[in-house]
Amino acid sequence: QVRLVESGGGLVQAGDSLRLSCAASGLTFSNYAMSWFRQAPGKEREFVATISRGDSTDYSDSVKGRFTISRDNAKNTVYLQMNTLRPEDTADYYCAAKWFSNTFWGRGTQVTVSS
């Protein structure tokens, strides 16, 4: 059974940093591209960042230069380092694992940035 468990969310002030983690189990982690998405209240889920099997990364324009995605295949974990947080970064953050037609989602971790 595949499980993705996010952690590291919380309440911070604008300008602060947070590091989210997503621990995966039940899959061959190194085969999967890993991504972070977020969903703010009343809005659709949106792409944040992705890291491929070969460690290529891509980011949404809204977080580029502030967020960094990384992975540790030995720990089956993907990270999202979030710096210079803004109130508009407030959302539930979800990790996703994708390999061909297989996509798995975690249940999310909440991030709230106060102004």
Protein backbone atom coordinates (compact mmCIF):
# COMPACT_ATOMS: atom_id res chain seq x y z
CA GLN A 1 0.00 0.00 0.00
CA VAL A 2 1.42 3.35 -1.06
CA ARG A 3 1.53 6.05 1.58
CA LEU A 4 2.69 9.64 1.30
CA VAL A 5 2.82 11.53 4.57
CA GLU A 6 3.49 15.26 4.61
CA SER A 7 4.81 17.11 7.64
CA GLY A 8 6.41 20.40 8.59
CA GLY A 9 3.52 22.78 8.10
CA GLY A 10 2.55 25.40 10.62
CA LEU A 11 1.81 29.03 11.36
CA VAL A 12 4.57 31.48 10.53
CA GLN A 13 4.98 35.18 9.84
CA ALA A 14 5.65 36.75 6.49
CA GLY A 15 9.33 36.50 5.65
CA ASP A 16 9.86 33.32 7.65
CA SER A 17 10.93 29.94 6.33
CA LEU A 18 9.52 26.44 6.59
CA ARG A 19 10.67 23.07 5.32
CA LEU A 20 8.03 20.56 4.36
CA SER A 21 8.77 16.86 4.17
CA CYS A 22 6.92 14.05 2.44
CA ALA A 23 7.81 10.53 3.48
CA ALA A 24 6.87 7.80 1.02
CA SER A 25 6.39 4.10 1.57
CA GLY A 26 5.04 1.19 -0.41
CA LEU A 27 6.68 2.21 -3.67
CA THR A 28 10.07 2.26 -5.35
CA PHE A 29 10.67 5.89 -4.54
CA SER A 30 13.57 6.45 -6.92
CA ASN A 31 11.33 5.57 -9.89
CA TYR A 32 8.90 8.36 -9.19
CA ALA A 33 8.84 12.01 -10.08
CA MET A 34 7.82 13.86 -6.94
CA SER A 35 5.84 17.06 -6.84
CA TRP A 36 4.31 19.55 -4.46
CA PHE A 37 0.94 21.14 -5.01
CA ARG A 38 -1.06 23.49 -2.88
CA GLN A 39 -4.67 24.47 -2.43
CA ALA A 40 -5.71 27.71 -0.82
CA PRO A 41 -9.18 28.11 0.69
CA GLY A 42 -11.75 28.55 -2.04
CA LYS A 43 -9.24 27.95 -4.82
CA GLU A 44 -8.26 25.07 -7.04
CA ARG A 45 -5.20 22.95 -6.35
CA GLU A 46 -2.16 24.37 -8.11
CA PHE A 47 1.28 23.12 -9.03
CA VAL A 48 4.17 24.34 -6.89
CA ALA A 49 7.30 22.35 -7.74
CA THR A 50 8.48 19.05 -9.16
CA ILE A 51 11.65 16.99 -9.14
CA SER A 52 12.30 14.21 -11.62
CA ARG A 53 13.97 10.85 -11.14
CA GLY A 54 17.14 12.49 -12.38
CA ASP A 55 16.82 15.49 -10.03
CA SER A 56 15.66 17.97 -12.66
CA THR A 57 13.44 20.56 -11.05
CA ASP A 58 10.72 22.95 -12.12
CA TYR A 59 8.75 25.56 -10.24
CA SER A 60 5.69 27.69 -10.63
CA ASP A 61 6.44 31.32 -11.32
CA SER A 62 4.90 32.32 -8.00
CA VAL A 63 7.51 30.42 -5.96
CA LYS A 64 10.55 30.45 -8.24
CA GLY A 65 13.56 31.81 -6.40
CA ARG A 66 11.94 31.34 -2.97
CA PHE A 67 11.17 27.61 -2.80
CA THR A 68 13.51 24.68 -3.38
CA ILE A 69 12.46 21.09 -3.93
CA SER A 70 14.85 18.26 -3.20
CA ARG A 71 14.74 14.53 -2.65
CA ASP A 72 16.62 11.93 -0.66
CA ASN A 73 16.13 8.54 -2.25
CA ALA A 74 17.86 6.81 0.66
CA LYS A 75 15.18 8.17 2.99
CA ASN A 76 12.27 7.93 0.51
CA THR A 77 11.58 11.58 1.23
CA VAL A 78 10.99 14.72 -0.78
CA TYR A 79 11.40 18.17 0.73
CA LEU A 80 10.16 21.64 -0.02
CA GLN A 81 12.25 24.42 1.47
CA MET A 82 10.14 27.55 1.54
CA ASN A 83 11.86 30.86 2.17
CA THR A 84 10.59 34.42 2.30
CA LEU A 85 7.05 33.20 2.84
CA ARG A 86 4.16 35.49 1.93
CA PRO A 87 0.55 35.52 3.10
CA GLU A 88 -0.47 34.34 -0.36
CA ASP A 89 1.50 31.14 0.25
CA THR A 90 -1.13 30.15 2.81
CA ALA A 91 -2.59 26.81 1.69
CA ASP A 92 -2.73 23.10 2.27
CA TYR A 93 0.36 21.58 0.69
CA TYR A 94 0.23 18.14 -0.88
CA CYS A 95 2.94 15.92 -2.25
CA ALA A 96 2.38 13.64 -5.22
CA ALA A 97 4.32 10.72 -6.65
CA LYS A 98 4.02 10.03 -10.35
CA TRP A 99 5.38 7.20 -12.52
CA PHE A 100 3.80 6.69 -15.94
CA SER A 101 0.04 6.45 -15.32
CA ASN A 102 0.40 5.94 -11.57
CA THR A 103 -0.12 8.98 -9.38
CA PHE A 104 -0.39 8.91 -5.61
CA TRP A 105 -1.26 11.77 -3.25
CA GLY A 106 -0.66 12.53 0.37
CA ARG A 107 -3.25 14.04 2.67
CA GLY A 108 -1.56 17.39 2.99
CA THR A 109 -0.06 19.69 5.58
CA GLN A 110 -1.33 23.15 6.37
CA VAL A 111 0.79 26.25 5.99
CA THR A 112 -0.47 29.59 7.27
CA VAL A 113 1.52 32.77 6.75
CA SER A 114 0.43 35.79 8.71
CA SER A 115 1.17 39.33 7.60
